[in-house]
C-alpha atoms as a PDB file:
ATOM      1  CA  MET A   1     155.199 206.939 230.102  1.00  0.00           C
ATOM      2  CA  LYS A   2     153.162 204.825 232.821  1.00  0.00           C
ATOM      3  CA  ARG A   3     152.091 204.794 236.237  1.00  0.00           C
ATOM      4  CA  ARG A   4     150.755 201.928 238.449  1.00  0.00           C
ATOM      5  CA  ILE A   5     147.497 202.263 240.247  1.00  0.00           C
ATOM      6  CA  SER A   6     145.535 199.808 242.658  1.00  0.00           C
ATOM      7  CA  ILE A   7     141.718 200.060 243.621  1.00  0.00           C
ATOM      8  CA  GLY A   8     139.578 199.731 246.802  1.00  0.00           C
ATOM      9  CA  VAL A   9     136.017 198.165 246.895  1.00  0.00           C
ATOM     10  CA  PHE A  10     133.332 200.852 246.910  1.00  0.00           C
ATOM     11  CA  LEU A  11     129.865 201.185 247.675  1.00  0.00           C
ATOM     12  CA  GLY A  12     127.602 203.312 244.915  1.00  0.00           C
ATOM     13  CA  LEU A  13     129.777 205.336 242.648  1.00  0.00           C
ATOM     14  CA  ILE A  14     132.965 206.169 245.045  1.00  0.00           C
ATOM     15  CA  LEU A  15     136.104 204.108 244.039  1.00  0.00           C
ATOM     16  CA  CYS A  16     139.698 204.470 245.973  1.00  0.00           C
ATOM     17  CA  VAL A  17     142.456 204.562 243.994  1.00  0.00           C
ATOM     18  CA  VAL A  18     145.829 204.198 245.243  1.00  0.00           C
ATOM     19  CA  VAL A  19     149.233 205.592 243.289  1.00  0.00           C
ATOM     20  CA  LEU A  20     152.240 203.424 244.201  1.00  0.00           C
ATOM     21  CA  GLU A  21     155.410 205.522 245.106  1.00  0.00           C
ATOM     22  CA  GLY A  22     158.445 205.629 242.888  1.00  0.00           C
ATOM     23  CA  CYS A  23     156.959 205.450 239.624  1.00  0.00           C
ATOM     24  CA  GLU A  24     157.162 208.076 237.117  1.00  0.00           C
ATOM     25  CA  ARG A  25     154.136 210.257 236.629  1.00  0.00           C
ATOM     26  CA  LYS A  26     152.594 212.503 233.879  1.00  0.00           C
ATOM     27  CA  LYS A  27     149.810 214.999 234.787  1.00  0.00           C
ATOM     28  CA  GLU A  28     148.078 215.023 231.246  1.00  0.00           C
ATOM     29  CA  PRO A  29     148.330 212.901 227.826  1.00  0.00           C
ATOM     30  CA  ASP A  30     149.827 215.419 224.935  1.00  0.00           C
ATOM     31  CA  ALA A  31     147.589 216.783 222.562  1.00  0.00           C
ATOM     32  CA  ASP A  32     148.046 213.704 220.139  1.00  0.00           C
ATOM     33  CA  GLU A  33     147.519 211.013 223.193  1.00  0.00           C
ATOM     34  CA  TYR A  34     144.765 209.231 225.204  1.00  0.00           C
ATOM     35  CA  ARG A  35     145.276 208.159 228.699  1.00  0.00           C
ATOM     36  CA  ILE A  36     144.457 204.621 228.811  1.00  0.00           C
ATOM     37  CA  PHE A  37     144.281 202.133 231.812  1.00  0.00           C
ATOM     38  CA  TYR A  38     145.319 198.344 231.568  1.00  0.00           C
ATOM     39  CA  LEU A  39     145.568 195.613 234.167  1.00  0.00           C
ATOM     40  CA  ASP A  40     148.943 194.584 235.279  1.00  0.00           C
ATOM     41  CA  SER A  41     150.135 190.994 234.680  1.00  0.00           C
ATOM     42  CA  GLU A  42     148.693 189.582 237.844  1.00  0.00           C
ATOM     43  CA  GLU A  43     145.140 191.559 237.015  1.00  0.00           C
ATOM     44  CA  THR A  44     145.253 193.284 240.751  1.00  0.00           C
ATOM     45  CA  GLU A  45     146.247 196.873 239.361  1.00  0.00           C
ATOM     46  CA  LEU A  46     145.494 199.048 236.841  1.00  0.00           C
ATOM     47  CA  VAL A  47     148.627 200.685 234.665  1.00  0.00           C
ATOM     48  CA  GLU A  48     148.193 204.014 233.100  1.00  0.00           C
ATOM     49  CA  GLU A  49     149.481 204.138 229.520  1.00  0.00           C
ATOM     50  CA  TYR A  50     149.783 207.214 226.844  1.00  0.00           C
ATOM     51  CA  CYS A  51     148.706 205.868 223.472  1.00  0.00           C
ATOM     52  CA  GLU A  52     148.275 207.447 220.101  1.00  0.00           C
ATOM     53  CA  ALA A  53     145.143 209.375 219.417  1.00  0.00           C
ATOM     54  CA  GLY A  54     143.433 208.679 215.897  1.00  0.00           C
ATOM     55  CA  ASP A  55     141.307 210.874 213.377  1.00  0.00           C
ATOM     56  CA  GLY A  56     138.681 211.677 216.435  1.00  0.00           C
ATOM     57  CA  LYS A  57     141.019 213.368 218.868  1.00  0.00           C
ATOM     58  CA  LYS A  58     142.591 215.554 215.941  1.00  0.00           C
ATOM     59  CA  GLU A  59     139.648 216.504 214.322  1.00  0.00           C
ATOM     60  CA  SER A  60     137.492 217.225 217.880  1.00  0.00           C
ATOM     61  CA  GLN A  61     134.744 214.313 217.131  1.00  0.00           C
ATOM     62  CA  THR A  62     133.450 213.392 220.436  1.00  0.00           C
ATOM     63  CA  GLU A  63     131.944 210.281 218.939  1.00  0.00           C
ATOM     64  CA  GLY A  64     134.861 209.137 217.257  1.00  0.00           C
ATOM     65  CA  GLN A  65     137.209 209.537 220.490  1.00  0.00           C
ATOM     66  CA  ILE A  66     134.614 207.485 222.179  1.00  0.00           C
ATOM     67  CA  ASP A  67     135.190 204.873 219.778  1.00  0.00           C
ATOM     68  CA  GLU A  68     138.806 205.168 219.630  1.00  0.00           C
ATOM     69  CA  ILE A  69     138.905 204.972 223.421  1.00  0.00           C
ATOM     70  CA  LEU A  70     136.578 201.701 223.598  1.00  0.00           C
ATOM     71  CA  LYS A  71     138.834 200.313 220.964  1.00  0.00           C
ATOM     72  CA  LEU A  72     142.167 200.796 222.850  1.00  0.00           C
ATOM     73  CA  LEU A  73     140.376 199.653 226.081  1.00  0.00           C
ATOM     74  CA  ARG A  74     139.367 196.338 224.394  1.00  0.00           C
ATOM     75  CA  GLU A  75     142.878 195.381 222.704  1.00  0.00           C
ATOM     76  CA  GLU A  76     145.349 194.071 224.151  1.00  0.00           C
ATOM     77  CA  PRO A  77     148.513 196.366 224.554  1.00  0.00           C
ATOM     78  CA  ASP A  78     151.877 195.558 222.706  1.00  0.00           C
ATOM     79  CA  THR A  79     153.872 194.386 225.867  1.00  0.00           C
ATOM     80  CA  ILE A  80     153.219 191.112 227.609  1.00  0.00           C
ATOM     81  CA  GLU A  81     153.351 193.257 230.976  1.00  0.00           C
ATOM     82  CA  TYR A  82     149.796 194.537 231.003  1.00  0.00           C
ATOM     83  CA  LYS A  83     146.411 193.094 229.633  1.00  0.00           C
ATOM     84  CA  SER A  84     143.076 194.347 228.786  1.00  0.00           C
ATOM     85  CA  VAL A  85     140.409 195.183 231.404  1.00  0.00           C
ATOM     86  CA  PHE A  86     137.834 193.384 228.892  1.00  0.00           C
ATOM     87  CA  ILE A  87     138.540 189.578 230.281  1.00  0.00           C
ATOM     88  CA  GLY A  88     136.518 186.675 229.909  1.00  0.00           C
ATOM     89  CA  ASP A  89     134.483 187.684 226.532  1.00  0.00           C
ATOM     90  CA  VAL A  90     133.242 190.792 228.344  1.00  0.00           C
ATOM     91  CA  GLU A  91     131.762 193.060 225.161  1.00  0.00           C
ATOM     92  CA  ILE A  92     130.341 196.278 224.909  1.00  0.00           C
ATOM     93  CA  LYS A  93     126.979 195.669 222.585  1.00  0.00           C
ATOM     94  CA  ASP A  94     126.704 199.383 221.953  1.00  0.00           C
ATOM     95  CA  TRP A  95     126.493 202.856 223.455  1.00  0.00           C
ATOM     96  CA  GLU A  96     124.545 205.960 223.866  1.00  0.00           C
ATOM     97  CA  LEU A  97     125.439 209.535 224.184  1.00  0.00           C
ATOM     98  CA  LYS A  98     122.751 211.570 225.602  1.00  0.00           C
ATOM     99  CA  GLY A  99     123.972 215.089 226.559  1.00  0.00           C
ATOM    100  CA  THR A 100     127.220 214.532 228.493  1.00  0.00           C
ATOM    101  CA  LYS A 101     126.131 211.078 229.627  1.00  0.00           C
ATOM    102  CA  LEU A 102     127.579 208.521 227.973  1.00  0.00           C
ATOM    103  CA  LEU A 103     125.795 205.150 228.669  1.00  0.00           C
ATOM    104  CA  LEU A 104     127.659 201.530 227.540  1.00  0.00           C
ATOM    105  CA  ASN A 105     125.676 198.591 227.287  1.00  0.00           C
ATOM    106  CA  PHE A 106     127.439 195.312 228.047  1.00  0.00           C
ATOM    107  CA  ASN A 107     126.922 191.804 227.225  1.00  0.00           C
ATOM    108  CA  GLU A 108     125.750 189.206 229.780  1.00  0.00           C
ATOM    109  CA  ARG A 109     129.256 188.138 230.246  1.00  0.00           C
ATOM    110  CA  TYR A 110     129.761 191.191 232.363  1.00  0.00           C
ATOM    111  CA  TYR A 111     128.336 189.479 235.637  1.00  0.00           C
ATOM    112  CA  SER A 112     130.924 186.782 235.100  1.00  0.00           C
ATOM    113  CA  LEU A 113     133.462 189.043 236.352  1.00  0.00           C
ATOM    114  CA  ASP A 114     134.583 188.438 240.025  1.00  0.00           C
ATOM    115  CA  ARG A 115     134.409 191.674 242.236  1.00  0.00           C
ATOM    116  CA  VAL A 116     137.859 192.892 241.903  1.00  0.00           C
ATOM    117  CA  SER A 117     138.093 192.331 237.949  1.00  0.00           C
ATOM    118  CA  GLU A 118     134.657 194.197 237.898  1.00  0.00           C
ATOM    119  CA  LEU A 119     135.886 197.242 239.911  1.00  0.00           C
ATOM    120  CA  LEU A 120     139.115 197.373 238.016  1.00  0.00           C
ATOM    121  CA  LEU A 121     137.143 197.143 234.707  1.00  0.00           C
ATOM    122  CA  ARG A 122     134.977 199.966 235.905  1.00  0.00           C
ATOM    123  CA  ALA A 123     137.526 202.130 236.819  1.00  0.00           C
ATOM    124  CA  ALA A 124     139.670 201.963 233.566  1.00  0.00           C
ATOM    125  CA  VAL A 125     136.435 202.494 231.653  1.00  0.00           C
ATOM    126  CA  VAL A 126     135.418 205.662 233.499  1.00  0.00           C
ATOM    127  CA  GLN A 127     138.969 207.328 233.905  1.00  0.00           C
ATOM    128  CA  SER A 128     139.846 206.470 230.014  1.00  0.00           C
ATOM    129  CA  LEU A 129     136.622 208.024 228.870  1.00  0.00           C
ATOM    130  CA  ALA A 130     136.121 210.760 231.202  1.00  0.00           C
ATOM    131  CA  GLN A 131     139.364 212.647 229.088  1.00  0.00           C
ATOM    132  CA  VAL A 132     136.707 212.770 226.164  1.00  0.00           C
ATOM    133  CA  PRO A 133     135.466 216.875 225.853  1.00  0.00           C
ATOM    134  CA  GLY A 134     131.553 216.581 226.107  1.00  0.00           C
ATOM    135  CA  VAL A 135     131.613 213.365 228.125  1.00  0.00           C
ATOM    136  CA  ASP A 136     130.983 214.197 231.852  1.00  0.00           C
ATOM    137  CA  TYR A 137     129.227 210.750 233.108  1.00  0.00           C
ATOM    138  CA  VAL A 138     129.571 207.309 232.161  1.00  0.00           C
ATOM    139  CA  GLY A 139     126.764 204.741 233.434  1.00  0.00           C
ATOM    140  CA  PHE A 140     126.675 200.978 232.689  1.00  0.00           C
ATOM    141  CA  LEU A 141     124.177 198.837 231.421  1.00  0.00           C
ATOM    142  CA  VAL A 142     124.177 194.975 231.023  1.00  0.00           C
ATOM    143  CA  GLU A 143     121.829 193.731 228.149  1.00  0.00           C
ATOM    144  CA  ASN A 144     120.177 196.964 228.309  1.00  0.00           C
ATOM    145  CA  LYS A 145     119.455 196.988 232.289  1.00  0.00           C
ATOM    146  CA  PRO A 146     121.087 199.250 234.830  1.00  0.00           C
ATOM    147  CA  LEU A 147     124.068 197.766 236.258  1.00  0.00           C
ATOM    148  CA  THR A 148     123.322 196.846 240.185  1.00  0.00           C
ATOM    149  CA  ASP A 149     125.379 196.021 243.171  1.00  0.00           C
ATOM    150  CA  LYS A 150     124.898 192.818 245.491  1.00  0.00           C
ATOM    151  CA  ASP A 151     121.983 194.561 246.831  1.00  0.00           C
ATOM    152  CA  GLU A 152     120.055 195.169 243.860  1.00  0.00           C
ATOM    153  CA  HIS A 153     120.834 198.904 243.935  1.00  0.00           C
ATOM    154  CA  GLU A 154     121.681 200.919 240.709  1.00  0.00           C
ATOM    155  CA  THR A 155     125.405 201.866 240.447  1.00  0.00           C
ATOM    156  CA  GLY A 156     124.478 205.049 238.437  1.00  0.00           C
ATOM    157  CA  TYR A 157     126.539 207.418 236.439  1.00  0.00           C
ATOM    158  CA  MET A 158     130.227 207.736 237.228  1.00  0.00           C
ATOM    159  CA  ARG A 159     132.771 210.543 236.803  1.00  0.00           C
ATOM    160  CA  ALA A 160     136.685 210.755 237.272  1.00  0.00           C
ATOM    161  CA  GLU A 161     136.036 212.802 239.941  1.00  0.00           C
ATOM    162  CA  ASP A 162     134.569 209.934 241.956  1.00  0.00           C
ATOM    163  CA  PHE A 163     137.928 208.343 241.811  1.00  0.00           C
ATOM    164  CA  VAL A 164     139.826 209.602 244.789  1.00  0.00           C
ATOM    165  CA  GLN A 165     143.886 209.326 245.251  1.00  0.00           C
ATOM    166  CA  ASN A 166     144.107 207.830 248.834  1.00  0.00           C
ATOM    167  CA  THR A 167     147.170 206.187 249.572  1.00  0.00           C
ATOM    168  CA  GLY A 168     147.250 203.264 252.082  1.00  0.00           C
ATOM    169  CA  SER A 169     143.361 202.277 251.812  1.00  0.00           C
ATOM    170  CA  SER A 170     142.080 198.764 251.886  1.00  0.00           C
ATOM    171  CA  LEU A 171     140.144 196.590 250.026  1.00  0.00           C
ATOM    172  CA  HIS A 172     137.850 196.118 253.045  1.00  0.00           C
ATOM    173  CA  SER A 173     137.733 199.501 254.872  1.00  0.00           C
ATOM    174  CA  TYR A 174     134.292 199.839 256.582  1.00  0.00           C
ATOM    175  CA  GLN A 175     133.134 201.827 259.161  1.00  0.00           C
ATOM    176  CA  THR A 176     129.695 202.802 261.013  1.00  0.00           C
ATOM    177  CA  ALA A 177     128.193 205.982 260.885  1.00  0.00           C
ATOM    178  CA  GLU A 178     125.050 207.186 263.062  1.00  0.00           C
ATOM    179  CA  LEU A 179     122.513 208.923 260.586  1.00  0.00           C
ATOM    180  CA  THR A 180     119.523 211.169 261.141  1.00  0.00           C
ATOM    181  CA  LEU A 181     117.195 210.862 258.209  1.00  0.00           C
ATOM    182  CA  TYR A 182     114.202 213.090 257.719  1.00  0.00           C
ATOM    183  CA  PHE A 183     110.921 211.422 255.556  1.00  0.00           C
ATOM    184  CA  SER A 184     107.508 212.618 255.188  1.00  0.00           C
ATOM    185  CA  ASN A 185     104.739 211.689 257.319  1.00  0.00           C
ATOM    186  CA  GLY A 186     101.491 209.890 256.157  1.00  0.00           C
ATOM    187  CA  GLU A 187      99.898 212.843 255.152  1.00  0.00           C
ATOM    188  CA  GLY A 188     102.433 214.008 253.076  1.00  0.00           C
ATOM    189  CA  ASP A 189     102.641 217.738 254.864  1.00  0.00           C
ATOM    190  CA  GLU A 190     105.298 217.210 257.619  1.00  0.00           C
ATOM    191  CA  LEU A 191     108.754 215.869 258.100  1.00  0.00           C
ATOM    192  CA  THR A 192     109.456 212.522 260.197  1.00  0.00           C
ATOM    193  CA  LYS A 193     112.633 211.517 261.795  1.00  0.00           C
ATOM    194  CA  GLU A 194     114.603 208.480 261.674  1.00  0.00           C
ATOM    195  CA  GLU A 195     117.804 207.470 263.329  1.00  0.00           C
ATOM    196  CA  VAL A 196     119.743 204.658 261.607  1.00  0.00           C
ATOM    197  CA  SER A 197     123.230 203.156 261.964  1.00  0.00           C
ATOM    198  CA  VAL A 198     124.754 202.252 258.877  1.00  0.00           C
ATOM    199  CA  ARG A 199     127.865 200.083 258.145  1.00  0.00           C
ATOM    200  CA  TYR A 200     129.651 201.813 255.093  1.00  0.00           C
ATOM    201  CA  ASN A 201     132.554 201.744 252.896  1.00  0.00           C
ATOM    202  CA  SER A 202     135.413 204.582 254.144  1.00  0.00           C
ATOM    203  CA  ASN A 203     135.547 205.636 250.762  1.00  0.00           C
ATOM    204  CA  MET A 204     132.111 206.611 250.664  1.00  0.00           C
ATOM    205  CA  SER A 205     131.237 210.262 251.771  1.00  0.00           C
ATOM    206  CA  VAL A 206     128.428 210.128 254.486  1.00  0.00           C
ATOM    207  CA  GLU A 207     126.664 213.056 252.300  1.00  0.00           C
ATOM    208  CA  LYS A 208     126.569 210.687 249.871  1.00  0.00           C
ATOM    209  CA  LEU A 209     125.501 207.711 252.126  1.00  0.00           C
ATOM    210  CA  VAL A 210     122.642 209.838 253.251  1.00  0.00           C
ATOM    211  CA  VAL A 211     121.316 210.714 249.987  1.00  0.00           C
ATOM    212  CA  GLU A 212     121.233 207.186 249.047  1.00  0.00           C
ATOM    213  CA  ARG A 213     119.468 206.077 252.064  1.00  0.00           C
ATOM    214  CA  LEU A 214     116.755 208.564 251.431  1.00  0.00           C
ATOM    215  CA  ILE A 215     116.132 207.461 247.751  1.00  0.00           C
ATOM    216  CA  LYS A 216     116.041 204.041 249.503  1.00  0.00           C
ATOM    217  CA  GLY A 217     113.125 205.117 251.700  1.00  0.00           C
ATOM    218  CA  PRO A 218     112.111 205.147 255.416  1.00  0.00           C
ATOM    219  CA  SER A 219     112.267 202.051 257.524  1.00  0.00           C
ATOM    220  CA  ALA A 220     108.809 203.071 259.303  1.00  0.00           C
ATOM    221  CA  LYS A 221     105.750 202.122 257.825  1.00  0.00           C
ATOM    222  CA  GLU A 222     103.724 205.253 258.750  1.00  0.00           C
ATOM    223  CA  SER A 223     106.478 207.410 256.951  1.00  0.00           C
ATOM    224  CA  LYS A 224     106.572 208.189 253.129  1.00  0.00           C
ATOM    225  CA  PRO A 225     109.718 208.689 251.226  1.00  0.00           C
ATOM    226  CA  VAL A 226     110.585 212.108 249.774  1.00  0.00           C
ATOM    227  CA  ILE A 227     112.484 211.325 246.511  1.00  0.00           C
ATOM    228  CA  PRO A 228     111.621 209.156 243.407  1.00  0.00           C
ATOM    229  CA  ALA A 229     112.880 205.945 243.781  1.00  0.00           C
ATOM    230  CA  GLU A 230     114.258 205.924 240.212  1.00  0.00           C
ATOM    231  CA  THR A 231     116.297 208.872 240.800  1.00  0.00           C
ATOM    232  CA  LYS A 232     119.892 208.682 240.053  1.00  0.00           C
ATOM    233  CA  VAL A 233     122.610 210.643 242.106  1.00  0.00           C
ATOM    234  CA  LEU A 234     125.327 212.132 239.513  1.00  0.00           C
ATOM    235  CA  SER A 235     127.390 213.221 242.326  1.00  0.00           C
ATOM    236  CA  VAL A 236     127.826 214.670 245.633  1.00  0.00           C
ATOM    237  CA  VAL A 237     130.476 216.968 246.447  1.00  0.00           C
ATOM    238  CA  VAL A 238     131.069 219.131 249.631  1.00  0.00           C
ATOM    239  CA  LYS A 239     132.927 222.235 249.287  1.00  0.00           C
ATOM    240  CA  ASP A 240     133.284 225.353 251.647  1.00  0.00           C
ATOM    241  CA  ASP A 241     130.538 224.002 253.891  1.00  0.00           C
ATOM    242  CA  VAL A 242     128.008 223.415 250.990  1.00  0.00           C
ATOM    243  CA  CYS A 243     126.842 220.070 249.935  1.00  0.00           C
ATOM    244  CA  TYR A 244     126.157 220.343 246.172  1.00  0.00           C
ATOM    245  CA  VAL A 245     124.092 217.252 245.367  1.00  0.00           C
ATOM    246  CA  ASN A 246     123.212 216.849 241.864  1.00  0.00           C
ATOM    247  CA  PHE A 247     120.390 214.467 240.382  1.00  0.00           C
ATOM    248  CA  ASP A 248     119.385 213.534 237.105  1.00  0.00           C
ATOM    249  CA  GLU A 249     115.732 214.834 236.038  1.00  0.00           C
ATOM    250  CA  GLY A 250     113.935 211.838 237.951  1.00  0.00           C
ATOM    251  CA  PHE A 251     114.254 214.393 241.001  1.00  0.00           C
ATOM    252  CA  LEU A 252     111.904 216.273 239.611  1.00  0.00           C
ATOM    253  CA  ASN A 253     109.122 213.870 239.415  1.00  0.00           C
ATOM    254  CA  MET A 254     106.716 214.131 242.625  1.00  0.00           C
ATOM    255  CA  VAL A 255     106.343 211.516 245.055  1.00  0.00           C
ATOM    256  CA  GLU A 256     102.659 211.222 245.182  1.00  0.00           C
ATOM    257  CA  LYS A 257     100.774 213.576 248.007  1.00  0.00           C
ATOM    258  CA  VAL A 258     104.304 214.793 249.174  1.00  0.00           C
ATOM    259  CA  LYS A 259     104.485 218.380 249.214  1.00  0.00           C
ATOM    260  CA  PRO A 260     107.330 219.894 247.383  1.00  0.00           C
ATOM    261  CA  LYS A 261     108.717 221.615 250.589  1.00  0.00           C
ATOM    262  CA  VAL A 262     108.941 218.436 252.286  1.00  0.00           C
ATOM    263  CA  THR A 263     111.298 216.869 250.065  1.00  0.00           C
ATOM    264  CA  ILE A 264     113.224 219.622 249.840  1.00  0.00           C
ATOM    265  CA  TYR A 265     113.837 220.075 253.966  1.00  0.00           C
ATOM    266  CA  ALA A 266     113.706 216.368 254.328  1.00  0.00           C
ATOM    267  CA  LEU A 267     116.875 216.304 251.879  1.00  0.00           C
ATOM    268  CA  VAL A 268     118.622 219.508 253.239  1.00  0.00           C
ATOM    269  CA  ASN A 269     118.006 218.567 257.149  1.00  0.00           C
ATOM    270  CA  SER A 270     119.262 214.770 256.781  1.00  0.00           C
ATOM    271  CA  ILE A 271     122.326 215.997 255.040  1.00  0.00           C
ATOM    272  CA  VAL A 272     123.361 219.174 257.585  1.00  0.00           C
ATOM    273  CA  ASP A 273     122.383 216.724 260.581  1.00  0.00           C
ATOM    274  CA  SER A 274     124.591 213.847 259.512  1.00  0.00           C
ATOM    275  CA  GLY A 275     127.148 215.379 257.592  1.00  0.00           C
ATOM    276  CA  SER A 276     129.746 218.122 257.752  1.00  0.00           C
ATOM    277  CA  ALA A 277     127.994 221.063 255.238  1.00  0.00           C
ATOM    278  CA  GLU A 278     126.114 223.559 256.726  1.00  0.00           C
ATOM    279  CA  GLN A 279     123.977 224.255 253.533  1.00  0.00           C
ATOM    280  CA  VAL A 280     122.348 222.339 250.682  1.00  0.00           C
ATOM    281  CA  GLN A 281     122.687 222.943 247.118  1.00  0.00           C
ATOM    282  CA  ILE A 282     120.383 221.085 244.720  1.00  0.00           C
ATOM    283  CA  LEU A 283     121.425 220.390 241.150  1.00  0.00           C
ATOM    284  CA  VAL A 284     119.682 218.870 238.282  1.00  0.00           C
ATOM    285  CA  ASN A 285     121.688 217.500 235.525  1.00  0.00           C
ATOM    286  CA  GLY A 286     124.597 220.047 236.993  1.00  0.00           C
ATOM    287  CA  GLU A 287     121.952 223.056 236.790  1.00  0.00           C
ATOM    288  CA  ASN A 288     120.470 225.536 239.418  1.00  0.00           C
ATOM    289  CA  ASN A 289     118.224 227.591 237.435  1.00  0.00           C
ATOM    290  CA  VAL A 290     115.238 225.177 238.206  1.00  0.00           C
ATOM    291  CA  THR A 291     111.934 226.045 239.767  1.00  0.00           C
ATOM    292  CA  TYR A 292     110.978 222.348 241.743  1.00  0.00           C
ATOM    293  CA  GLN A 293     107.791 221.476 241.227  1.00  0.00           C
ATOM    294  CA  GLU A 294     106.934 224.952 240.089  1.00  0.00           C
ATOM    295  CA  THR A 295     107.046 226.491 243.390  1.00  0.00           C
ATOM    296  CA  ILE A 296     110.506 226.096 245.104  1.00  0.00           C
ATOM    297  CA  ASP A 297     113.548 228.356 243.587  1.00  0.00           C
ATOM    298  CA  LEU A 298     116.623 225.776 243.418  1.00  0.00           C
ATOM    299  CA  SER A 299     118.970 228.728 242.294  1.00  0.00           C
ATOM    300  CA  LYS A 300     120.717 229.080 245.925  1.00  0.00           C
ATOM    301  CA  PRO A 301     121.829 227.012 248.808  1.00  0.00           C
ATOM    302  CA  PHE A 302     119.438 225.894 251.431  1.00  0.00           C
ATOM    303  CA  GLU A 303     119.879 225.925 255.244  1.00  0.00           C
ATOM    304  CA  LYS A 304     118.362 223.514 257.814  1.00  0.00           C
ATOM    305  CA  ASP A 305     114.727 224.251 258.548  1.00  0.00           C
ATOM    306  CA  LEU A 306     113.340 221.944 261.485  1.00  0.00           C
ATOM    307  CA  GLY A 307     110.071 224.067 261.781  1.00  0.00           C
ATOM    308  CA  MET A 308     108.240 221.191 259.528  1.00  0.00           C
ATOM    309  CA  ILE A 309     108.995 218.410 261.946  1.00  0.00           C
ATOM    310  CA  GLU A 310     105.637 216.638 263.069  1.00  0.00           C
ATOM    311  CA  VAL A 311     104.690 216.617 266.706  1.00  0.00           C
ATOM    312  CA  LYS A 312     103.226 213.784 267.588  1.00  0.00           C
ATOM    313  CA  GLU A 313     100.418 213.992 270.311  1.00  0.00           C
ATOM    314  CA  GLU A 314     100.830 211.702 273.670  1.00  0.00           C
END
């Protein structure tokens, strides 16, 4: 049972997956199977195959299933029509599972992959491993250092949900957005507003783009960032007019001399003003039962509040 998939370029976590018409499709593998992704013979598309599982799946062993899937991904399939996504001597040196986050450590040959091959490998690995119970996020390291894009931004963790089926998407589909971003003033007690024009891949949501730009920091020298630079974005999803932003624990670190309320409303106001959501729910590692900086309850969504914007004297 198989289906063929081609993949588009993405910025950050979001990949666009196109399912070709006319192919037989199967929603889920059987209880004794894994869904594994391989390259087609031209190395331009992914092909989905269902492979027999080993003892790891039969005995519900998370670590065993990870090892089994990685082995299947690295092996060349029986048919000459498909190839392993591990090309050019690319190897996984080791891996570590922390909670529901799986970190894969690749050798330096990873950086020898061309752009399309690298994206296809990433898509195949994440999609294949995401079916393991207990693995919600997959992150990539290269020689123990976080994988970065051409702009030196860390790619962060990826999920199966980050691959959207979108027939007709282009490998080079970009558009421009006008964003309204909020940062901290120099004193850390009020908000400053910054209008920016950004060219970005059309497969990325505006809300995700806003969060990444906030982490990147302000352009104005007199303004201060509101989110620690080391913070990783696990997911950004809009549902029923609420934007759910899921950070790792790095979000809980305080930006020096910036009040907690400034950080929260810089994030909320930026997303609401620039995107389609009316409220923002902040999560940390998927949890909302968090008190930010011991002062702000994150259990409920926040609405926009422009009362903290700095009023400059003329």
